[in-house]
């Protein structure tokens, strides 16, 4: 499976962004999809995950600001982030796996930069 994240950019604190993850090569219907991020000098961390049944899970620091969804018909997933903060600056990756947070495949990322 190939995953491609898109939708990143340079925004100001308080703005919103909608990231998209498009999959090809395999259907994601029966798999969990996750969003991860990696800031400069930091380890990659999980941001959100949606199970194959549609249950969503979020990192504490984005709860209430992030909303993840999936569209199996489009073999895609989305992450809407509101009230963005400078600490949200990172490269965001989408990934897929059997269970939430246990990802087997990571795609290329998209840069999100939040200026203060």
N, C-alpha and C. Protein backbone atom coordinates (compact mmCIF):
# COMPACT_ATOMS: atom_id res chain seq x y z
N UNK A 1 0.85 -1.19 0.00
CA UNK A 1 0.00 0.00 0.00
C UNK A 1 0.89 1.24 0.00
N UNK A 2 0.47 2.24 -0.76
CA UNK A 2 1.17 3.53 -0.77
C UNK A 2 0.24 4.59 -0.19
N UNK A 3 0.80 5.39 0.69
CA UNK A 3 0.03 6.44 1.36
C UNK A 3 0.66 7.79 1.06
N UNK A 4 -0.17 8.77 0.78
CA UNK A 4 0.31 10.12 0.50
C UNK A 4 -0.49 11.12 1.30
N UNK A 5 0.20 11.84 2.17
CA UNK A 5 -0.43 12.90 2.94
C UNK A 5 -0.33 14.22 2.18
N UNK A 6 -1.33 15.05 2.31
CA UNK A 6 -1.33 16.36 1.67
C UNK A 6 -2.15 17.33 2.50
N UNK A 7 -2.04 18.61 2.16
CA UNK A 7 -2.85 19.61 2.83
C UNK A 7 -2.11 20.47 3.82
N UNK A 8 -0.82 20.17 4.02
CA UNK A 8 -0.05 20.98 4.96
C UNK A 8 0.24 22.35 4.40
N UNK A 9 0.85 23.18 5.22
CA UNK A 9 1.20 24.52 4.78
C UNK A 9 1.65 25.38 5.92
N UNK A 10 1.82 26.66 5.62
CA UNK A 10 2.20 27.65 6.62
C UNK A 10 0.96 28.43 7.03
N UNK A 11 0.64 28.37 8.31
CA UNK A 11 -0.54 29.05 8.82
C UNK A 11 -0.16 29.82 10.08
N UNK A 12 -1.09 30.63 10.54
CA UNK A 12 -0.88 31.38 11.78
C UNK A 12 -1.56 30.66 12.93
N UNK A 13 -1.08 30.93 14.11
CA UNK A 13 -1.70 30.36 15.31
C UNK A 13 -3.19 30.72 15.32
N UNK A 14 -4.00 29.72 15.64
CA UNK A 14 -5.44 29.91 15.66
C UNK A 14 -6.14 29.49 14.38
N UNK A 15 -5.37 29.30 13.33
CA UNK A 15 -5.95 28.89 12.05
C UNK A 15 -6.31 27.40 12.07
N UNK A 16 -6.91 26.96 10.97
CA UNK A 16 -7.30 25.56 10.81
C UNK A 16 -6.68 24.99 9.54
N UNK A 17 -6.52 23.67 9.55
CA UNK A 17 -6.02 22.95 8.37
C UNK A 17 -6.76 21.63 8.26
N UNK A 18 -6.90 21.16 7.04
CA UNK A 18 -7.48 19.83 6.81
C UNK A 18 -6.45 19.03 6.02
N UNK A 19 -5.93 18.01 6.67
CA UNK A 19 -4.97 17.13 6.02
C UNK A 19 -5.70 15.95 5.40
N UNK A 20 -5.20 15.51 4.26
CA UNK A 20 -5.79 14.36 3.58
C UNK A 20 -4.75 13.26 3.42
N UNK A 21 -5.22 12.04 3.45
CA UNK A 21 -4.37 10.87 3.25
C UNK A 21 -5.02 10.01 2.18
N UNK A 22 -4.34 9.85 1.08
CA UNK A 22 -4.86 9.05 -0.02
C UNK A 22 -4.05 7.76 -0.12
N UNK A 23 -4.75 6.65 -0.22
CA UNK A 23 -4.09 5.35 -0.31
C UNK A 23 -4.26 4.77 -1.70
N UNK A 24 -3.27 4.02 -2.12
CA UNK A 24 -3.34 3.32 -3.40
C UNK A 24 -2.64 1.98 -3.24
N UNK A 25 -2.99 1.07 -4.10
CA UNK A 25 -2.35 -0.24 -4.07
C UNK A 25 -3.06 -1.27 -3.22
N UNK A 26 -3.91 -0.80 -2.33
CA UNK A 26 -4.65 -1.72 -1.46
C UNK A 26 -5.80 -0.94 -0.82
N UNK A 27 -6.88 -1.64 -0.53
CA UNK A 27 -8.00 -1.00 0.13
C UNK A 27 -7.75 -0.95 1.64
N UNK A 28 -8.19 0.13 2.25
CA UNK A 28 -7.99 0.31 3.69
C UNK A 28 -9.22 -0.02 4.52
N UNK A 29 -10.24 -0.57 3.89
CA UNK A 29 -11.52 -0.80 4.58
C UNK A 29 -11.35 -1.52 5.91
N UNK A 30 -10.51 -2.51 5.95
CA UNK A 30 -10.41 -3.36 7.13
C UNK A 30 -9.21 -3.01 8.02
N UNK A 31 -8.67 -1.83 7.84
CA UNK A 31 -7.47 -1.44 8.58
C UNK A 31 -7.69 -0.13 9.32
N UNK A 32 -6.95 0.01 10.39
CA UNK A 32 -6.92 1.28 11.10
C UNK A 32 -6.02 2.26 10.33
N UNK A 33 -6.33 3.53 10.47
CA UNK A 33 -5.52 4.57 9.83
C UNK A 33 -5.12 5.57 10.91
N UNK A 34 -3.88 5.96 10.90
CA UNK A 34 -3.40 6.87 11.92
C UNK A 34 -2.69 8.07 11.33
N UNK A 35 -2.70 9.15 12.11
CA UNK A 35 -1.91 10.33 11.78
C UNK A 35 -0.81 10.45 12.84
N UNK A 36 0.40 10.64 12.37
CA UNK A 36 1.56 10.81 13.24
C UNK A 36 2.25 12.11 12.85
N UNK A 37 3.09 12.60 13.73
CA UNK A 37 3.84 13.81 13.39
C UNK A 37 5.24 13.74 14.00
N UNK A 38 6.15 14.43 13.38
CA UNK A 38 7.51 14.50 13.89
C UNK A 38 8.03 15.92 13.75
N UNK A 39 8.32 16.52 14.89
CA UNK A 39 8.87 17.86 14.91
C UNK A 39 10.40 17.77 14.89
N UNK A 40 11.08 18.81 14.45
CA UNK A 40 12.54 18.79 14.41
C UNK A 40 13.14 18.46 15.77
N UNK A 41 14.03 17.48 15.78
CA UNK A 41 14.70 17.10 17.01
C UNK A 41 13.89 16.27 17.97
N UNK A 42 12.69 15.89 17.55
CA UNK A 42 11.82 15.09 18.42
C UNK A 42 11.45 13.78 17.78
N UNK A 43 11.02 12.84 18.60
CA UNK A 43 10.58 11.55 18.09
C UNK A 43 9.19 11.68 17.46
N UNK A 44 8.91 10.76 16.56
CA UNK A 44 7.59 10.73 15.96
C UNK A 44 6.55 10.34 17.02
N UNK A 45 5.40 10.98 16.96
CA UNK A 45 4.34 10.69 17.93
C UNK A 45 3.00 10.54 17.24
N UNK A 46 2.16 9.76 17.84
CA UNK A 46 0.82 9.57 17.30
C UNK A 46 -0.07 10.75 17.62
N UNK A 47 -0.85 11.18 16.66
CA UNK A 47 -1.76 12.31 16.83
C UNK A 47 -3.20 11.84 16.92
N UNK A 48 -3.59 10.99 16.00
CA UNK A 48 -4.96 10.49 16.00
C UNK A 48 -4.99 9.17 15.25
N UNK A 49 -6.06 8.43 15.49
CA UNK A 49 -6.22 7.14 14.84
C UNK A 49 -7.69 6.84 14.70
N UNK A 50 -8.05 6.18 13.62
CA UNK A 50 -9.43 5.76 13.43
C UNK A 50 -9.41 4.28 13.09
N UNK A 51 -10.22 3.51 13.82
CA UNK A 51 -10.25 2.08 13.60
C UNK A 51 -11.04 1.74 12.34
N UNK A 52 -11.00 0.48 11.96
CA UNK A 52 -11.75 0.05 10.79
C UNK A 52 -13.25 0.22 11.01
N UNK A 53 -13.67 0.19 12.30
CA UNK A 53 -15.09 0.39 12.63
C UNK A 53 -15.48 1.86 12.75
N UNK A 54 -14.48 2.73 12.72
CA UNK A 54 -14.78 4.16 12.77
C UNK A 54 -14.55 4.82 14.12
N UNK A 55 -14.07 4.08 15.11
CA UNK A 55 -13.78 4.67 16.41
C UNK A 55 -12.52 5.53 16.31
N UNK A 56 -12.58 6.71 16.92
CA UNK A 56 -11.45 7.62 16.84
C UNK A 56 -10.74 7.77 18.18
N UNK A 57 -9.46 8.04 18.12
CA UNK A 57 -8.63 8.20 19.31
C UNK A 57 -7.68 9.37 19.03
N UNK A 58 -7.41 10.16 20.08
CA UNK A 58 -6.60 11.35 19.89
C UNK A 58 -5.55 11.49 20.98
N UNK A 59 -4.43 12.07 20.60
CA UNK A 59 -3.40 12.46 21.58
C UNK A 59 -4.02 13.54 22.47
N UNK A 60 -3.68 13.51 23.74
CA UNK A 60 -4.30 14.44 24.69
C UNK A 60 -4.16 15.90 24.25
N UNK A 61 -3.02 16.26 23.71
CA UNK A 61 -2.77 17.67 23.40
C UNK A 61 -3.59 18.18 22.21
N UNK A 62 -4.23 17.29 21.46
CA UNK A 62 -5.04 17.74 20.33
C UNK A 62 -6.52 17.46 20.53
N UNK A 63 -6.88 16.83 21.65
CA UNK A 63 -8.29 16.53 21.90
C UNK A 63 -9.10 17.82 21.92
N UNK A 64 -10.23 17.79 21.23
CA UNK A 64 -11.08 18.98 21.14
C UNK A 64 -10.68 19.91 20.01
N UNK A 65 -9.49 19.72 19.47
CA UNK A 65 -9.03 20.57 18.35
C UNK A 65 -8.88 19.77 17.06
N UNK A 66 -8.80 18.46 17.18
CA UNK A 66 -8.56 17.61 16.01
C UNK A 66 -9.74 16.68 15.79
N UNK A 67 -10.07 16.46 14.53
CA UNK A 67 -11.19 15.58 14.20
C UNK A 67 -10.79 14.74 12.99
N UNK A 68 -10.77 13.45 13.20
CA UNK A 68 -10.34 12.55 12.14
C UNK A 68 -11.53 11.81 11.56
N UNK A 69 -11.50 11.58 10.26
CA UNK A 69 -12.57 10.84 9.58
C UNK A 69 -11.95 10.01 8.48
N UNK A 70 -12.73 9.09 7.97
CA UNK A 70 -12.30 8.26 6.85
C UNK A 70 -13.42 8.13 5.85
N UNK A 71 -13.04 7.94 4.59
CA UNK A 71 -14.00 7.72 3.51
C UNK A 71 -13.52 6.48 2.76
N UNK A 72 -14.09 5.35 3.11
CA UNK A 72 -13.64 4.09 2.50
C UNK A 72 -13.90 4.07 1.00
N UNK A 73 -14.94 4.73 0.56
CA UNK A 73 -15.24 4.77 -0.87
C UNK A 73 -14.13 5.46 -1.65
N UNK A 74 -13.46 6.41 -0.99
CA UNK A 74 -12.35 7.11 -1.63
C UNK A 74 -11.00 6.59 -1.18
N UNK A 75 -11.03 5.55 -0.32
CA UNK A 75 -9.78 5.00 0.19
C UNK A 75 -8.90 6.09 0.79
N UNK A 76 -9.54 6.94 1.57
CA UNK A 76 -8.88 8.13 2.10
C UNK A 76 -9.25 8.37 3.56
N UNK A 77 -8.43 9.18 4.19
CA UNK A 77 -8.71 9.62 5.55
C UNK A 77 -8.34 11.09 5.66
N UNK A 78 -8.89 11.73 6.69
CA UNK A 78 -8.71 13.16 6.82
C UNK A 78 -8.46 13.52 8.29
N UNK A 79 -7.73 14.59 8.48
CA UNK A 79 -7.52 15.12 9.81
C UNK A 79 -7.74 16.62 9.76
N UNK A 80 -8.78 17.07 10.45
CA UNK A 80 -9.03 18.50 10.55
C UNK A 80 -8.50 18.98 11.89
N UNK A 81 -7.66 19.99 11.83
CA UNK A 81 -7.09 20.54 13.06
C UNK A 81 -7.44 22.01 13.15
N UNK A 82 -8.02 22.38 14.28
CA UNK A 82 -8.44 23.75 14.53
C UNK A 82 -7.59 24.36 15.64
N UNK A 83 -7.69 25.66 15.77
CA UNK A 83 -6.95 26.39 16.82
C UNK A 83 -5.49 25.94 16.88
N UNK A 84 -4.86 25.94 15.73
CA UNK A 84 -3.48 25.45 15.63
C UNK A 84 -2.54 26.29 16.49
N UNK A 85 -1.55 25.61 17.04
CA UNK A 85 -0.56 26.23 17.92
C UNK A 85 0.83 26.04 17.32
N UNK A 86 1.77 26.91 17.67
CA UNK A 86 3.14 26.74 17.16
C UNK A 86 3.70 25.35 17.47
N UNK A 87 3.31 24.78 18.60
CA UNK A 87 3.81 23.44 18.96
C UNK A 87 3.22 22.33 18.10
N UNK A 88 2.27 22.66 17.24
CA UNK A 88 1.75 21.68 16.29
C UNK A 88 2.63 21.59 15.04
N UNK A 89 3.61 22.45 14.94
CA UNK A 89 4.51 22.44 13.80
C UNK A 89 5.27 21.12 13.73
N UNK A 90 5.17 20.46 12.58
CA UNK A 90 5.80 19.15 12.40
C UNK A 90 5.53 18.66 10.98
N UNK A 91 6.20 17.58 10.63
CA UNK A 91 5.83 16.86 9.42
C UNK A 91 4.78 15.83 9.84
N UNK A 92 3.66 15.84 9.17
CA UNK A 92 2.55 14.94 9.50
C UNK A 92 2.53 13.79 8.50
N UNK A 93 2.41 12.58 9.03
CA UNK A 93 2.38 11.37 8.23
C UNK A 93 1.08 10.61 8.49
N UNK A 94 0.56 9.97 7.46
CA UNK A 94 -0.52 9.03 7.70
C UNK A 94 0.05 7.61 7.60
N UNK A 95 -0.62 6.71 8.28
CA UNK A 95 -0.13 5.34 8.36
C UNK A 95 -1.31 4.40 8.48
N UNK A 96 -1.08 3.14 8.24
CA UNK A 96 -2.14 2.16 8.35
C UNK A 96 -1.62 0.89 9.00
N UNK A 97 -2.52 0.19 9.66
CA UNK A 97 -2.15 -1.04 10.33
C UNK A 97 -3.38 -1.81 10.76
N UNK A 98 -3.16 -2.92 11.39
CA UNK A 98 -4.26 -3.79 11.80
C UNK A 98 -5.09 -3.16 12.91
N UNK A 99 -4.39 -2.55 13.87
CA UNK A 99 -5.05 -1.93 15.02
C UNK A 99 -4.54 -0.50 15.19
N UNK A 100 -5.36 0.31 15.85
CA UNK A 100 -4.93 1.68 16.11
C UNK A 100 -3.60 1.71 16.86
N UNK A 101 -2.73 2.60 16.40
CA UNK A 101 -1.42 2.85 16.94
C UNK A 101 -0.41 1.77 16.58
N UNK A 102 -0.85 0.62 16.08
CA UNK A 102 0.07 -0.43 15.64
C UNK A 102 0.13 -0.40 14.12
N UNK A 103 0.94 0.53 13.60
CA UNK A 103 0.96 0.79 12.18
C UNK A 103 2.05 -0.01 11.47
N UNK A 104 1.73 -0.47 10.29
CA UNK A 104 2.68 -1.25 9.50
C UNK A 104 3.27 -0.45 8.34
N UNK A 105 2.52 0.50 7.84
CA UNK A 105 2.97 1.27 6.69
C UNK A 105 2.80 2.76 6.96
N UNK A 106 3.84 3.50 6.65
CA UNK A 106 3.81 4.95 6.75
C UNK A 106 4.01 5.54 5.38
N UNK A 107 3.30 6.64 5.11
CA UNK A 107 3.45 7.32 3.84
C UNK A 107 4.40 8.49 3.95
N UNK A 108 4.54 9.19 2.84
CA UNK A 108 5.32 10.43 2.85
C UNK A 108 4.52 11.50 3.58
N UNK A 109 5.21 12.38 4.23
CA UNK A 109 4.55 13.36 5.07
C UNK A 109 4.26 14.67 4.38
N UNK A 110 3.55 15.53 5.11
CA UNK A 110 3.27 16.88 4.66
C UNK A 110 3.63 17.84 5.79
N UNK A 111 4.30 18.91 5.45
CA UNK A 111 4.80 19.84 6.46
C UNK A 111 3.69 20.78 6.91
N UNK A 112 3.55 20.90 8.21
CA UNK A 112 2.64 21.88 8.80
C UNK A 112 3.49 22.81 9.65
N UNK A 113 3.41 24.09 9.35
CA UNK A 113 4.16 25.09 10.11
C UNK A 113 3.18 26.13 10.63
N UNK A 114 3.19 26.32 11.94
CA UNK A 114 2.28 27.26 12.58
C UNK A 114 3.11 28.40 13.16
N UNK A 115 2.88 29.59 12.66
CA UNK A 115 3.63 30.75 13.15
C UNK A 115 2.85 31.43 14.27
N UNK A 116 3.59 32.00 15.19
CA UNK A 116 2.94 32.65 16.35
C UNK A 116 2.61 34.11 16.06
